Amino acid sequence: MKLFPKLLSVTVALSFLSVGFASAESETYTTMAVSGGGTLTGKVSFKGAQPAPEKFEFAKFPQPNFCSKVGSDSEPGSGKGFRIRQDVKVTGGGLGDVVVYITDITKGKEFKQTETAITAENCQFLIQGGPSKAVGVVVNAKKSGVKDPIVKVTNMDADPSDPKTVEGVLHNPHGYDIKDKISATIFNKPVPKKGQSISEKVLKTWFKKDDSFLKVECDQHNYMNVWALPVSNPYYAVVNPDGTFNIDQIPAGTYEVKAFHPKLGFKSTKIEVKASAATTANFDF
């Protein structure tokens, strides 16, 4: 006679667990046909004077002669004894190197990008596939529904004039999961030869906290950095150098939109998207 209450309590507990699992499962993004989707456009602006760039003396790092031979089109002045890195880029009041993304869409268009490709060229890390070479996205393995998204880093550097680096200039991509001022290593592997790559499968344990992001830095040359925002759906845009952006095929609804800059942080706003209509969202940093 005492067994029935125990069985009942176990059944109720399992029922609550089932609801919890179903709720968590429903957060995973799924692909569907989008008919009459709306469009989001806007601009990310920077108010005030552009901050001064960071300056790194090549002589304090390995391979100073090779790394100083070639400057960067986006960082004028690099190559003359110093790497000049402008992490806050402003063009006509527009802020570059920003990702704008809709946070709470769980169904919609397909992902076009599932691999975050980074190259090491002329002692710079360059992220591929968008208007920014410093900032991009990484697909969140837990919530995106994408199987085995990848972060891939390829070394393109070699110095034929130095017998020690004929086959390659050693770079050591070190990936960090960043949340506010807290960082945790998620990969750390060398790529000593030109043409060599490392491919890291994005784990479900990465980026568990909201507003976290990926930073990749070379342990040999600490001025080599790129950043990537974890995305759980394909409704994002890396802004143009003037801060403008466009996101299309958005199912009608009310959503939160955020803008991410690795040095300036996050901004958010709410939007309402109507079928086959254009919506605007602007951000000021």
Protein backbone atom coordinates (compact mmCIF):
# COMPACT_ATOMS: atom_id res chain seq x y z
CA MET A 1 0.00 0.00 0.00
CA LYS A 2 2.98 2.38 0.58
CA LEU A 3 4.38 1.74 -2.88
CA PHE A 4 1.75 3.71 -4.84
CA PRO A 5 2.65 7.21 -3.52
CA LYS A 6 6.32 6.57 -4.32
CA LEU A 7 5.48 5.45 -7.85
CA LEU A 8 3.25 8.50 -8.29
CA SER A 9 5.99 10.91 -7.16
CA VAL A 10 8.50 9.28 -9.51
CA THR A 11 6.04 9.53 -12.40
CA VAL A 12 5.38 13.22 -11.69
CA ALA A 13 9.13 13.93 -11.45
CA LEU A 14 9.78 12.18 -14.77
CA SER A 15 6.97 14.19 -16.33
CA PHE A 16 8.59 17.45 -15.25
CA LEU A 17 11.93 16.23 -16.59
CA SER A 18 10.30 15.41 -19.92
CA VAL A 19 8.86 18.92 -20.11
CA GLY A 20 12.29 20.35 -19.36
CA PHE A 21 13.94 18.27 -22.08
CA ALA A 22 11.26 19.21 -24.60
CA SER A 23 11.69 22.89 -23.78
CA ALA A 24 15.45 22.71 -24.20
CA GLU A 25 15.07 20.80 -27.47
CA SER A 26 12.68 23.43 -28.84
CA GLU A 27 15.44 26.05 -28.57
CA THR A 28 17.50 24.31 -31.25
CA TYR A 29 17.32 26.07 -34.61
CA THR A 30 15.60 24.23 -37.46
CA THR A 31 15.42 25.04 -41.16
CA MET A 32 12.12 25.78 -42.88
CA ALA A 33 10.90 27.48 -46.04
CA VAL A 34 10.37 31.21 -45.48
CA SER A 35 7.52 32.74 -47.47
CA GLY A 36 7.04 36.50 -47.44
CA GLY A 37 10.01 37.13 -45.19
CA GLY A 38 10.92 40.62 -44.12
CA THR A 39 14.20 42.52 -44.34
CA LEU A 40 16.24 44.29 -41.67
CA THR A 41 18.58 47.12 -42.66
CA GLY A 42 20.42 49.72 -40.65
CA LYS A 43 23.71 51.29 -39.66
CA VAL A 44 26.12 51.01 -36.75
CA SER A 45 27.63 54.39 -35.87
CA PHE A 46 30.43 55.60 -33.61
CA LYS A 47 30.00 58.85 -31.71
CA GLY A 48 33.07 60.92 -30.93
CA ALA A 49 36.70 60.80 -32.02
CA GLN A 50 38.12 57.50 -33.21
CA PRO A 51 40.33 55.99 -30.46
CA ALA A 52 44.05 55.77 -31.09
CA PRO A 53 45.36 52.47 -32.50
CA GLU A 54 47.48 49.98 -30.59
CA LYS A 55 51.19 49.89 -31.44
CA PHE A 56 53.33 46.74 -31.21
CA GLU A 57 57.12 46.81 -31.66
CA PHE A 58 58.19 43.96 -33.96
CA ALA A 59 61.58 43.63 -32.22
CA LYS A 60 59.82 42.29 -29.10
CA PHE A 61 58.40 39.28 -30.98
CA PRO A 62 59.82 36.37 -33.07
CA GLN A 63 60.65 36.88 -36.76
CA PRO A 64 60.72 40.70 -36.57
CA ASN A 65 62.34 41.10 -40.00
CA PHE A 66 59.82 38.93 -41.83
CA CYS A 67 56.79 40.32 -40.02
CA SER A 68 57.83 43.91 -40.67
CA LYS A 69 58.33 43.43 -44.43
CA VAL A 70 54.67 43.65 -45.32
CA GLY A 71 52.18 46.12 -43.92
CA SER A 72 48.41 45.87 -43.90
CA ASP A 73 46.07 47.67 -46.28
CA SER A 74 43.69 48.26 -43.37
CA GLU A 75 46.38 49.40 -40.94
CA PRO A 76 48.52 52.12 -42.63
CA GLY A 77 51.95 52.44 -41.07
CA SER A 78 52.39 48.76 -40.25
CA GLY A 79 55.70 47.31 -41.35
CA LYS A 80 57.93 50.24 -40.31
CA GLY A 81 59.21 48.67 -37.11
CA PHE A 82 55.75 48.44 -35.60
CA ARG A 83 52.44 46.72 -36.17
CA ILE A 84 49.78 49.42 -36.00
CA ARG A 85 46.42 47.83 -35.18
CA GLN A 86 43.27 49.91 -35.34
CA ASP A 87 40.61 47.89 -33.53
CA VAL A 88 37.97 50.63 -33.67
CA LYS A 89 37.58 51.53 -37.34
CA VAL A 90 35.36 54.50 -38.18
CA THR A 91 34.45 55.51 -41.75
CA GLY A 92 32.26 58.56 -42.20
CA GLY A 93 30.81 58.06 -38.74
CA GLY A 94 30.06 54.38 -39.43
CA LEU A 95 31.67 51.69 -37.29
CA GLY A 96 33.19 48.63 -38.97
CA ASP A 97 34.09 45.18 -37.59
CA VAL A 98 30.64 44.68 -36.06
CA VAL A 99 28.27 41.70 -36.20
CA VAL A 100 24.54 42.45 -36.07
CA TYR A 101 22.40 39.42 -35.24
CA ILE A 102 18.87 38.42 -34.28
CA THR A 103 19.04 36.42 -31.06
CA ASP A 104 15.70 34.63 -30.78
CA ILE A 105 14.76 33.07 -34.12
CA THR A 106 14.42 29.27 -33.89
CA LYS A 107 13.10 28.51 -37.41
CA GLY A 108 13.96 29.91 -40.81
CA LYS A 109 16.44 29.95 -43.69
CA GLU A 110 19.47 27.69 -44.02
CA PHE A 111 22.94 28.41 -42.74
CA LYS A 112 25.31 29.35 -45.57
CA GLN A 113 28.43 29.24 -43.40
CA THR A 114 29.30 26.44 -40.98
CA GLU A 115 33.09 26.83 -40.97
CA THR A 116 35.01 29.75 -39.51
CA ALA A 117 38.09 30.03 -41.75
CA ILE A 118 41.10 32.01 -40.53
CA THR A 119 44.44 32.45 -42.30
CA ALA A 120 47.79 33.60 -40.96
CA GLU A 121 49.27 35.89 -43.62
CA ASN A 122 52.15 38.34 -43.19
CA CYS A 123 51.94 37.85 -39.42
CA GLN A 124 48.27 38.78 -39.31
CA PHE A 125 45.26 36.61 -38.56
CA LEU A 126 42.59 37.28 -41.20
CA ILE A 127 39.06 35.90 -40.89
CA GLN A 128 37.53 34.93 -44.23
CA GLY A 129 34.10 35.24 -45.82
CA GLY A 130 32.93 38.74 -45.00
CA PRO A 131 33.59 42.46 -45.33
CA SER A 132 35.72 42.39 -42.15
CA LYS A 133 39.03 40.57 -41.86
CA ALA A 134 39.11 41.05 -38.08
CA VAL A 135 35.60 40.02 -36.99
CA GLY A 136 33.29 37.21 -38.11
CA VAL A 137 31.05 34.50 -36.70
CA VAL A 138 31.35 30.97 -35.34
CA VAL A 139 28.36 28.62 -35.37
CA ASN A 140 27.14 27.62 -31.91
CA ALA A 141 27.21 23.81 -31.79
CA LYS A 142 24.56 23.47 -29.08
CA LYS A 143 21.72 25.65 -30.38
CA SER A 144 22.22 25.95 -34.14
CA GLY A 145 21.21 22.44 -35.17
CA VAL A 146 24.36 22.36 -37.34
CA LYS A 147 26.36 19.15 -37.12
CA ASP A 148 30.05 19.66 -36.35
CA PRO A 149 30.72 23.35 -37.11
CA ILE A 150 34.44 24.00 -37.46
CA VAL A 151 37.06 26.62 -36.68
CA LYS A 152 39.95 26.22 -39.15
CA VAL A 153 43.24 28.12 -39.03
CA THR A 154 45.72 27.87 -41.92
CA ASN A 155 49.30 29.14 -41.90
CA MET A 156 50.34 30.92 -45.12
CA ASP A 157 53.66 32.34 -43.84
CA ALA A 158 57.19 31.23 -44.74
CA ASP A 159 60.44 33.17 -45.02
CA PRO A 160 62.80 31.84 -47.72
CA SER A 161 65.54 34.24 -46.57
CA ASP A 162 65.82 32.58 -43.15
CA PRO A 163 67.03 28.95 -43.03
CA LYS A 164 65.02 28.40 -39.84
CA THR A 165 61.71 29.44 -41.40
CA VAL A 166 62.03 28.31 -45.04
CA GLU A 167 59.26 25.76 -44.48
CA GLY A 168 57.13 28.04 -42.37
CA VAL A 169 56.96 30.80 -39.80
CA LEU A 170 55.67 29.30 -36.55
CA HIS A 171 52.29 30.59 -35.45
CA ASN A 172 50.36 29.28 -32.46
CA PRO A 173 46.60 29.95 -32.71
CA HIS A 174 45.21 30.15 -29.18
CA GLY A 175 41.41 30.21 -28.99
CA TYR A 176 39.64 31.75 -26.00
CA ASP A 177 36.00 31.69 -24.92
CA ILE A 178 35.56 35.28 -23.67
CA LYS A 179 32.81 36.52 -21.35
CA ASP A 180 33.31 40.04 -19.97
CA LYS A 181 36.80 39.96 -18.40
CA ILE A 182 36.87 36.17 -18.00
CA SER A 183 38.60 34.00 -20.62
CA ALA A 184 38.95 30.23 -20.94
CA THR A 185 41.19 28.35 -23.38
CA ILE A 186 39.26 26.19 -25.85
CA PHE A 187 42.13 25.28 -28.20
CA ASN A 188 45.86 25.96 -28.38
CA LYS A 189 47.82 24.28 -31.18
CA PRO A 190 50.84 25.28 -33.30
CA VAL A 191 50.96 25.52 -37.10
CA PRO A 192 54.72 25.60 -37.84
CA LYS A 193 54.67 25.00 -41.60
CA LYS A 194 53.28 26.97 -44.52
CA GLY A 195 50.08 25.35 -45.79
CA GLN A 196 49.45 23.55 -42.49
CA SER A 197 46.00 23.85 -40.88
CA ILE A 198 44.32 23.00 -37.63
CA SER A 199 40.60 22.20 -37.64
CA GLU A 200 38.79 22.41 -34.32
CA LYS A 201 35.27 21.05 -34.01
CA VAL A 202 33.11 23.51 -32.10
CA LEU A 203 32.00 21.79 -28.90
CA LYS A 204 28.65 22.15 -27.17
CA THR A 205 30.50 23.20 -24.02
CA TRP A 206 31.82 26.34 -25.76
CA PHE A 207 29.96 29.67 -25.49
CA LYS A 208 27.48 28.53 -22.84
CA LYS A 209 27.00 32.05 -21.49
CA ASP A 210 25.11 34.82 -23.27
CA ASP A 211 27.26 37.54 -24.82
CA SER A 212 30.38 35.38 -24.94
CA PHE A 213 32.62 35.31 -28.02
CA LEU A 214 35.71 33.73 -29.56
CA LYS A 215 39.09 35.41 -29.60
CA VAL A 216 42.01 33.84 -31.49
CA GLU A 217 45.49 35.14 -30.67
CA CYS A 218 48.93 33.93 -31.75
CA ASP A 219 51.07 32.97 -28.75
CA GLN A 220 54.19 33.78 -30.80
CA HIS A 221 53.00 37.17 -32.09
CA ASN A 222 50.46 38.60 -29.65
CA TYR A 223 49.42 41.37 -32.06
CA MET A 224 47.80 38.73 -34.28
CA ASN A 225 44.12 38.67 -33.25
CA VAL A 226 40.70 37.93 -34.73
CA TRP A 227 37.30 37.66 -33.06
CA ALA A 228 34.13 35.70 -33.87
CA LEU A 229 30.62 35.92 -32.45
CA PRO A 230 28.79 32.62 -31.74
CA VAL A 231 25.51 32.52 -33.70
CA SER A 232 22.64 30.09 -33.23
CA ASN A 233 20.80 31.02 -36.43
CA PRO A 234 21.77 32.43 -39.85
CA TYR A 235 20.09 35.79 -39.23
CA TYR A 236 23.22 37.88 -38.83
CA ALA A 237 25.34 40.29 -40.86
CA VAL A 238 28.94 41.43 -40.62
CA VAL A 239 28.60 45.14 -41.31
CA ASN A 240 30.27 46.94 -44.20
CA PRO A 241 33.19 49.30 -43.43
CA ASP A 242 30.71 52.21 -43.22
CA GLY A 243 28.59 50.34 -40.65
CA THR A 244 25.66 49.48 -42.94
CA PHE A 245 24.10 46.02 -42.99
CA ASN A 246 21.24 43.95 -44.42
CA ILE A 247 19.54 40.76 -43.18
CA ASP A 248 16.85 39.12 -45.33
CA GLN A 249 14.25 36.30 -45.32
CA ILE A 250 13.21 37.02 -41.74
CA PRO A 251 9.96 35.35 -40.62
CA ALA A 252 7.38 37.87 -39.39
CA GLY A 253 7.58 38.44 -35.64
CA THR A 254 9.01 40.49 -32.79
CA TYR A 255 12.69 39.94 -32.03
CA GLU A 256 15.71 41.11 -30.10
CA VAL A 257 18.60 42.37 -32.24
CA LYS A 258 22.14 42.86 -30.94
CA ALA A 259 25.27 44.48 -32.29
CA PHE A 260 28.67 43.12 -31.20
CA HIS A 261 32.08 44.79 -31.39
CA PRO A 262 34.99 42.95 -29.72
CA LYS A 263 36.40 46.10 -28.10
CA LEU A 264 33.21 48.07 -27.48
CA GLY A 265 30.85 45.31 -26.35
CA PHE A 266 27.16 44.74 -27.09
CA LYS A 267 24.13 46.90 -27.86
CA SER A 268 20.56 45.61 -28.19
CA THR A 269 17.14 46.72 -29.41
CA LYS A 270 13.72 45.25 -30.19
CA ILE A 271 12.22 45.11 -33.69
CA GLU A 272 8.97 44.03 -35.27
CA VAL A 273 9.28 42.39 -38.66
CA LYS A 274 6.23 42.29 -40.90
CA ALA A 275 5.76 39.97 -43.86
CA SER A 276 7.43 41.20 -47.08
CA ALA A 277 8.29 44.51 -45.41
CA ALA A 278 11.47 46.38 -44.54
CA THR A 279 12.44 47.18 -40.95
CA THR A 280 15.26 49.42 -39.71
CA ALA A 281 17.50 49.13 -36.65
CA ASN A 282 20.38 51.50 -35.95
CA PHE A 283 23.04 51.25 -33.24
CA ASP A 284 25.32 53.90 -31.70
CA PHE A 285 28.58 53.10 -29.91
